[in-house]
Amino acid sequence: TPFKSYRNHHVYEKMGYVKVEEYRQ
């Protein structure tokens, strides 16, 4: 997901997903 999709990040983390990597597209 894009880094600026803050609401997405919140949902994924709430559902147990963990951010494992960042990369420049």
PDB file of all heavy atoms in Angstrom:
ATOM      1  N   THR A   1       0.846  -1.193   0.000  1.00  0.00           N
ATOM      2  CA  THR A   1       0.000   0.000   0.000  1.00  0.00           C
ATOM      3  C   THR A   1       0.883   1.247   0.000  1.00  0.00           C
ATOM      4  O   THR A   1       1.999   1.220   0.510  1.00  0.00           O
ATOM      5  CB  THR A   1      -0.946  -0.015   1.230  1.00  0.00           C
ATOM      6  OG1 THR A   1      -1.900   1.035   1.105  1.00  0.00           O
ATOM      7  CG2 THR A   1      -0.187   0.126   2.527  1.00  0.00           C
ATOM      8  N   PRO A   2       0.415   2.339  -0.589  1.00  0.00           N
ATOM      9  CA  PRO A   2       1.201   3.575  -0.586  1.00  0.00           C
ATOM     10  C   PRO A   2       1.409   4.127   0.825  1.00  0.00           C
ATOM     11  O   PRO A   2       0.559   3.970   1.701  1.00  0.00           O
ATOM     12  CB  PRO A   2       0.352   4.548  -1.416  1.00  0.00           C
ATOM     13  CG  PRO A   2      -0.555   3.688  -2.222  1.00  0.00           C
ATOM     14  CD  PRO A   2      -0.812   2.473  -1.386  1.00  0.00           C
ATOM     15  N   PHE A   3       2.517   4.799   1.027  1.00  0.00           N
ATOM     16  CA  PHE A   3       2.873   5.315   2.352  1.00  0.00           C
ATOM     17  C   PHE A   3       1.908   6.362   2.872  1.00  0.00           C
ATOM     18  O   PHE A   3       1.770   6.551   4.072  1.00  0.00           O
ATOM     19  CB  PHE A   3       4.312   5.847   2.366  1.00  0.00           C
ATOM     20  CG  PHE A   3       4.495   7.198   1.735  1.00  0.00           C
ATOM     21  CD1 PHE A   3       4.699   8.319   2.516  1.00  0.00           C
ATOM     22  CD2 PHE A   3       4.480   7.352   0.358  1.00  0.00           C
ATOM     23  CE1 PHE A   3       4.884   9.569   1.945  1.00  0.00           C
ATOM     24  CE2 PHE A   3       4.670   8.591  -0.232  1.00  0.00           C
ATOM     25  CZ  PHE A   3       4.866   9.702   0.562  1.00  0.00           C
ATOM     26  N   LYS A   4       1.205   7.053   1.991  1.00  0.00           N
ATOM     27  CA  LYS A   4       0.276   8.093   2.439  1.00  0.00           C
ATOM     28  C   LYS A   4      -1.147   7.575   2.670  1.00  0.00           C
ATOM     29  O   LYS A   4      -2.033   8.348   2.989  1.00  0.00           O
ATOM     30  CB  LYS A   4       0.236   9.239   1.436  1.00  0.00           C
ATOM     31  CG  LYS A   4       1.470  10.109   1.510  1.00  0.00           C
ATOM     32  CD  LYS A   4       1.290  11.380   0.730  1.00  0.00           C
ATOM     33  CE  LYS A   4       2.489  12.280   0.935  1.00  0.00           C
ATOM     34  NZ  LYS A   4       2.336  13.556   0.240  1.00  0.00           N
ATOM     35  N   SER A   5      -1.350   6.286   2.545  1.00  0.00           N
ATOM     36  CA  SER A   5      -2.680   5.713   2.767  1.00  0.00           C
ATOM     37  C   SER A   5      -2.850   5.391   4.248  1.00  0.00           C
ATOM     38  O   SER A   5      -2.970   4.239   4.655  1.00  0.00           O
ATOM     39  CB  SER A   5      -2.867   4.461   1.910  1.00  0.00           C
ATOM     40  OG  SER A   5      -2.835   4.792   0.544  1.00  0.00           O
ATOM     41  N   TYR A   6      -2.874   6.433   5.062  1.00  0.00           N
ATOM     42  CA  TYR A   6      -2.866   6.289   6.513  1.00  0.00           C
ATOM     43  C   TYR A   6      -4.026   5.465   7.053  1.00  0.00           C
ATOM     44  O   TYR A   6      -3.851   4.662   7.968  1.00  0.00           O
ATOM     45  CB  TYR A   6      -2.849   7.667   7.186  1.00  0.00           C
ATOM     46  CG  TYR A   6      -1.752   8.562   6.682  1.00  0.00           C
ATOM     47  CD1 TYR A   6      -2.043   9.730   5.991  1.00  0.00           C
ATOM     48  CD2 TYR A   6      -0.410   8.219   6.867  1.00  0.00           C
ATOM     49  CE1 TYR A   6      -1.019  10.549   5.522  1.00  0.00           C
ATOM     50  CE2 TYR A   6       0.607   9.030   6.403  1.00  0.00           C
ATOM     51  CZ  TYR A   6       0.293  10.198   5.722  1.00  0.00           C
ATOM     52  OH  TYR A   6       1.301  10.987   5.253  1.00  0.00           O
ATOM     53  N   ARG A   7      -5.212   5.676   6.510  1.00  0.00           N
ATOM     54  CA  ARG A   7      -6.369   4.902   6.981  1.00  0.00           C
ATOM     55  C   ARG A   7      -6.190   3.426   6.679  1.00  0.00           C
ATOM     56  O   ARG A   7      -6.561   2.571   7.488  1.00  0.00           O
ATOM     57  CB  ARG A   7      -7.663   5.425   6.361  1.00  0.00           C
ATOM     58  CG  ARG A   7      -8.037   6.790   6.897  1.00  0.00           C
ATOM     59  CD  ARG A   7      -9.397   7.252   6.490  1.00  0.00           C
ATOM     60  NE  ARG A   7      -9.825   6.788   5.172  1.00  0.00           N
ATOM     61  CZ  ARG A   7     -10.879   7.229   4.552  1.00  0.00           C
ATOM     62  NH1 ARG A   7     -11.631   8.140   5.102  1.00  0.00           N
ATOM     63  NH2 ARG A   7     -11.211   6.777   3.370  1.00  0.00           N
ATOM     64  N   ASN A   8      -5.598   3.114   5.513  1.00  0.00           N
ATOM     65  CA  ASN A   8      -5.319   1.713   5.178  1.00  0.00           C
ATOM     66  C   ASN A   8      -4.368   1.115   6.201  1.00  0.00           C
ATOM     67  O   ASN A   8      -4.577   0.001   6.674  1.00  0.00           O
ATOM     68  CB  ASN A   8      -4.712   1.583   3.789  1.00  0.00           C
ATOM     69  CG  ASN A   8      -5.669   1.948   2.684  1.00  0.00           C
ATOM     70  OD1 ASN A   8      -6.812   2.293   2.923  1.00  0.00           O
ATOM     71  ND2 ASN A   8      -5.190   1.885   1.463  1.00  0.00           N
ATOM     72  N   HIS A   9      -3.306   1.853   6.530  1.00  0.00           N
ATOM     73  CA  HIS A   9      -2.317   1.347   7.493  1.00  0.00           C
ATOM     74  C   HIS A   9      -3.011   1.002   8.805  1.00  0.00           C
ATOM     75  O   HIS A   9      -2.760  -0.049   9.403  1.00  0.00           O
ATOM     76  CB  HIS A   9      -1.227   2.384   7.774  1.00  0.00           C
ATOM     77  CG  HIS A   9      -0.530   2.877   6.541  1.00  0.00           C
ATOM     78  ND1 HIS A   9       0.242   4.007   6.553  1.00  0.00           N
ATOM     79  CD2 HIS A   9      -0.489   2.411   5.272  1.00  0.00           C
ATOM     80  CE1 HIS A   9       0.727   4.225   5.339  1.00  0.00           C
ATOM     81  NE2 HIS A   9       0.295   3.264   4.548  1.00  0.00           N
ATOM     82  N   HIS A  10      -3.880   1.885   9.254  1.00  0.00           N
ATOM     83  CA  HIS A  10      -4.594   1.676  10.513  1.00  0.00           C
ATOM     84  C   HIS A  10      -5.420   0.377  10.465  1.00  0.00           C
ATOM     85  O   HIS A  10      -5.389  -0.428  11.398  1.00  0.00           O
ATOM     86  CB  HIS A  10      -5.489   2.876  10.822  1.00  0.00           C
ATOM     87  CG  HIS A  10      -6.350   2.691  12.019  1.00  0.00           C
ATOM     88  ND1 HIS A  10      -5.852   2.739  13.312  1.00  0.00           N
ATOM     89  CD2 HIS A  10      -7.670   2.422  12.122  1.00  0.00           C
ATOM     90  CE1 HIS A  10      -6.841   2.507  14.154  1.00  0.00           C
ATOM     91  NE2 HIS A  10      -7.947   2.318  13.462  1.00  0.00           N
ATOM     92  N   VAL A  11      -6.148   0.199   9.378  1.00  0.00           N
ATOM     93  CA  VAL A  11      -6.989  -0.994   9.235  1.00  0.00           C
ATOM     94  C   VAL A  11      -6.127  -2.254   9.214  1.00  0.00           C
ATOM     95  O   VAL A  11      -6.414  -3.224   9.919  1.00  0.00           O
ATOM     96  CB  VAL A  11      -7.867  -0.915   7.969  1.00  0.00           C
ATOM     97  CG1 VAL A  11      -8.538  -2.250   7.678  1.00  0.00           C
ATOM     98  CG2 VAL A  11      -8.901   0.184   8.107  1.00  0.00           C
ATOM     99  N   TYR A  12      -5.071  -2.253   8.412  1.00  0.00           N
ATOM    100  CA  TYR A  12      -4.230  -3.446   8.306  1.00  0.00           C
ATOM    101  C   TYR A  12      -3.608  -3.798   9.661  1.00  0.00           C
ATOM    102  O   TYR A  12      -3.599  -4.960  10.058  1.00  0.00           O
ATOM    103  CB  TYR A  12      -3.144  -3.267   7.252  1.00  0.00           C
ATOM    104  CG  TYR A  12      -3.684  -2.971   5.865  1.00  0.00           C
ATOM    105  CD1 TYR A  12      -3.032  -2.092   5.025  1.00  0.00           C
ATOM    106  CD2 TYR A  12      -4.850  -3.564   5.406  1.00  0.00           C
ATOM    107  CE1 TYR A  12      -3.526  -1.818   3.753  1.00  0.00           C
ATOM    108  CE2 TYR A  12      -5.357  -3.288   4.140  1.00  0.00           C
ATOM    109  CZ  TYR A  12      -4.688  -2.415   3.318  1.00  0.00           C
ATOM    110  OH  TYR A  12      -5.174  -2.145   2.071  1.00  0.00           O
ATOM    111  N   GLU A  13      -3.106  -2.796  10.345  1.00  0.00           N
ATOM    112  CA  GLU A  13      -2.472  -3.056  11.642  1.00  0.00           C
ATOM    113  C   GLU A  13      -3.513  -3.539  12.661  1.00  0.00           C
ATOM    114  O   GLU A  13      -3.234  -4.439  13.450  1.00  0.00           O
ATOM    115  CB  GLU A  13      -1.731  -1.806  12.118  1.00  0.00           C
ATOM    116  CG  GLU A  13      -0.507  -1.545  11.260  1.00  0.00           C
ATOM    117  CD  GLU A  13       0.123  -0.172  11.434  1.00  0.00           C
ATOM    118  OE1 GLU A  13      -0.284   0.570  12.351  1.00  0.00           O
ATOM    119  OE2 GLU A  13       1.025   0.154  10.630  1.00  0.00           O
ATOM    120  N   LYS A  14      -4.695  -2.976  12.624  1.00  0.00           N
ATOM    121  CA  LYS A  14      -5.775  -3.414  13.500  1.00  0.00           C
ATOM    122  C   LYS A  14      -6.142  -4.871  13.236  1.00  0.00           C
ATOM    123  O   LYS A  14      -6.522  -5.599  14.153  1.00  0.00           O
ATOM    124  CB  LYS A  14      -6.996  -2.509  13.267  1.00  0.00           C
ATOM    125  CG  LYS A  14      -8.148  -2.744  14.183  1.00  0.00           C
ATOM    126  CD  LYS A  14      -9.227  -1.705  13.903  1.00  0.00           C
ATOM    127  CE  LYS A  14     -10.415  -1.898  14.809  1.00  0.00           C
ATOM    128  NZ  LYS A  14     -11.434  -0.871  14.580  1.00  0.00           N
ATOM    129  N   MET A  15      -5.984  -5.312  11.976  1.00  0.00           N
ATOM    130  CA  MET A  15      -6.319  -6.683  11.583  1.00  0.00           C
ATOM    131  C   MET A  15      -5.151  -7.653  11.784  1.00  0.00           C
ATOM    132  O   MET A  15      -5.241  -8.810  11.405  1.00  0.00           O
ATOM    133  CB  MET A  15      -6.752  -6.707  10.119  1.00  0.00           C
ATOM    134  CG  MET A  15      -7.996  -5.901   9.816  1.00  0.00           C
ATOM    135  SD  MET A  15      -9.511  -6.614  10.487  1.00  0.00           S
ATOM    136  CE  MET A  15      -9.565  -8.161   9.652  1.00  0.00           C
ATOM    137  N   GLY A  16      -4.033  -7.161  12.346  1.00  0.00           N
ATOM    138  CA  GLY A  16      -2.911  -8.054  12.647  1.00  0.00           C
ATOM    139  C   GLY A  16      -1.794  -8.063  11.628  1.00  0.00           C
ATOM    140  O   GLY A  16      -0.851  -8.850  11.747  1.00  0.00           O
ATOM    141  N   TYR A  17      -1.875  -7.207  10.618  1.00  0.00           N
ATOM    142  CA  TYR A  17      -0.810  -7.114   9.621  1.00  0.00           C
ATOM    143  C   TYR A  17       0.317  -6.252  10.198  1.00  0.00           C
ATOM    144  O   TYR A  17       0.065  -5.300  10.929  1.00  0.00           O
ATOM    145  CB  TYR A  17      -1.328  -6.501   8.316  1.00  0.00           C
ATOM    146  CG  TYR A  17      -2.253  -7.436   7.563  1.00  0.00           C
ATOM    147  CD1 TYR A  17      -3.558  -7.677   7.993  1.00  0.00           C
ATOM    148  CD2 TYR A  17      -1.809  -8.096   6.420  1.00  0.00           C
ATOM    149  CE1 TYR A  17      -4.399  -8.541   7.325  1.00  0.00           C
ATOM    150  CE2 TYR A  17      -2.652  -8.964   5.740  1.00  0.00           C
ATOM    151  CZ  TYR A  17      -3.936  -9.182   6.198  1.00  0.00           C
ATOM    152  OH  TYR A  17      -4.762 -10.048   5.525  1.00  0.00           O
ATOM    153  N   VAL A  18       1.545  -6.607   9.840  1.00  0.00           N
ATOM    154  CA  VAL A  18       2.725  -5.906  10.344  1.00  0.00           C
ATOM    155  C   VAL A  18       3.497  -5.352   9.151  1.00  0.00           C
ATOM    156  O   VAL A  18       3.710  -6.059   8.160  1.00  0.00           O
ATOM    157  CB  VAL A  18       3.622  -6.881  11.145  1.00  0.00           C
ATOM    158  CG1 VAL A  18       4.900  -6.203  11.592  1.00  0.00           C
ATOM    159  CG2 VAL A  18       2.855  -7.438  12.334  1.00  0.00           C
ATOM    160  N   LYS A  19       3.909  -4.087   9.252  1.00  0.00           N
ATOM    161  CA  LYS A  19       4.730  -3.494   8.188  1.00  0.00           C
ATOM    162  C   LYS A  19       6.109  -4.143   8.239  1.00  0.00           C
ATOM    163  O   LYS A  19       6.782  -4.112   9.267  1.00  0.00           O
ATOM    164  CB  LYS A  19       4.850  -1.983   8.354  1.00  0.00           C
ATOM    165  CG  LYS A  19       5.589  -1.331   7.180  1.00  0.00           C
ATOM    166  CD  LYS A  19       5.540   0.168   7.249  1.00  0.00           C
ATOM    167  CE  LYS A  19       6.522   0.669   8.271  1.00  0.00           C
ATOM    168  NZ  LYS A  19       6.710   2.102   8.255  1.00  0.00           N
ATOM    169  N   VAL A  20       6.514  -4.755   7.120  1.00  0.00           N
ATOM    170  CA  VAL A  20       7.774  -5.484   7.087  1.00  0.00           C
ATOM    171  C   VAL A  20       8.810  -4.856   6.164  1.00  0.00           C
ATOM    172  O   VAL A  20       9.987  -5.231   6.204  1.00  0.00           O
ATOM    173  CB  VAL A  20       7.569  -6.967   6.684  1.00  0.00           C
ATOM    174  CG1 VAL A  20       6.758  -7.690   7.742  1.00  0.00           C
ATOM    175  CG2 VAL A  20       6.923  -7.089   5.312  1.00  0.00           C
ATOM    176  N   GLU A  21       8.372  -3.895   5.334  1.00  0.00           N
ATOM    177  CA  GLU A  21       9.315  -3.311   4.377  1.00  0.00           C
ATOM    178  C   GLU A  21       8.780  -1.986   3.844  1.00  0.00           C
ATOM    179  O   GLU A  21       7.569  -1.779   3.769  1.00  0.00           O
ATOM    180  CB  GLU A  21       9.510  -4.287   3.206  1.00  0.00           C
ATOM    181  CG  GLU A  21      10.540  -3.876   2.192  1.00  0.00           C
ATOM    182  CD  GLU A  21      10.684  -4.889   1.057  1.00  0.00           C
ATOM    183  OE1 GLU A  21      10.269  -6.066   1.221  1.00  0.00           O
ATOM    184  OE2 GLU A  21      11.199  -4.501   0.010  1.00  0.00           O
ATOM    185  N   GLU A  22       9.700  -1.101   3.500  1.00  0.00           N
ATOM    186  CA  GLU A  22       9.395   0.138   2.776  1.00  0.00           C
ATOM    187  C   GLU A  22      10.311   0.179   1.575  1.00  0.00           C
ATOM    188  O   GLU A  22      11.471  -0.197   1.678  1.00  0.00           O
ATOM    189  CB  GLU A  22       9.704   1.374   3.626  1.00  0.00           C
ATOM    190  CG  GLU A  22       8.846   1.562   4.824  1.00  0.00           C
ATOM    191  CD  GLU A  22       9.208   2.841   5.587  1.00  0.00           C
ATOM    192  OE1 GLU A  22       9.764   3.784   4.984  1.00  0.00           O
ATOM    193  OE2 GLU A  22       8.926   2.874   6.795  1.00  0.00           O
ATOM    194  N   TYR A  23       9.784   0.620   0.446  1.00  0.00           N
ATOM    195  CA  TYR A  23      10.652   0.789  -0.719  1.00  0.00           C
ATOM    196  C   TYR A  23      10.126   1.916  -1.598  1.00  0.00           C
ATOM    197  O   TYR A  23       8.945   2.233  -1.575  1.00  0.00           O
ATOM    198  CB  TYR A  23      10.809  -0.521  -1.508  1.00  0.00           C
ATOM    199  CG  TYR A  23       9.541  -1.046  -2.125  1.00  0.00           C
ATOM    200  CD1 TYR A  23       9.176  -0.696  -3.427  1.00  0.00           C
ATOM    201  CD2 TYR A  23       8.703  -1.895  -1.417  1.00  0.00           C
ATOM    202  CE1 TYR A  23       8.021  -1.183  -3.986  1.00  0.00           C
ATOM    203  CE2 TYR A  23       7.545  -2.382  -1.971  1.00  0.00           C
ATOM    204  CZ  TYR A  23       7.208  -2.027  -3.267  1.00  0.00           C
ATOM    205  OH  TYR A  23       6.049  -2.495  -3.826  1.00  0.00           O
ATOM    206  N   ARG A  24      11.031   2.497  -2.323  1.00  0.00           N
ATOM    207  CA  ARG A  24      10.701   3.632  -3.190  1.00  0.00           C
ATOM    208  C   ARG A  24      10.279   3.105  -4.560  1.00  0.00           C
ATOM    209  O   ARG A  24      11.043   2.455  -5.245  1.00  0.00           O
ATOM    210  CB  ARG A  24      11.910   4.555  -3.323  1.00  0.00           C
ATOM    211  CG  ARG A  24      11.612   5.825  -4.098  1.00  0.00           C
ATOM    212  CD  ARG A  24      12.746   6.837  -4.000  1.00  0.00           C
ATOM    213  NE  ARG A  24      12.903   7.364  -2.652  1.00  0.00           N
ATOM    214  CZ  ARG A  24      12.134   8.307  -2.109  1.00  0.00           C
ATOM    215  NH1 ARG A  24      11.155   8.826  -2.804  1.00  0.00           N
ATOM    216  NH2 ARG A  24      12.355   8.737  -0.890  1.00  0.00           N
ATOM    217  N   GLN A  25       9.033   3.404  -4.921  1.00  0.00           N
ATOM    218  CA  GLN A  25       8.486   3.006  -6.219  1.00  0.00           C
ATOM    219  C   GLN A  25       8.901   4.002  -7.307  1.00  0.00           C
ATOM    220  O   GLN A  25       9.114   3.624  -8.439  1.00  0.00           O
ATOM    221  CB  GLN A  25       6.958   2.937  -6.124  1.00  0.00           C
ATOM    222  CG  GLN A  25       6.264   2.470  -7.357  1.00  0.00           C
ATOM    223  CD  GLN A  25       6.360   0.975  -7.544  1.00  0.00           C
ATOM    224  OE1 GLN A  25       6.545   0.231  -6.605  1.00  0.00           O
ATOM    225  NE2 GLN A  25       6.241   0.529  -8.766  1.00  0.00           N
TER     226      GLN A  25
END
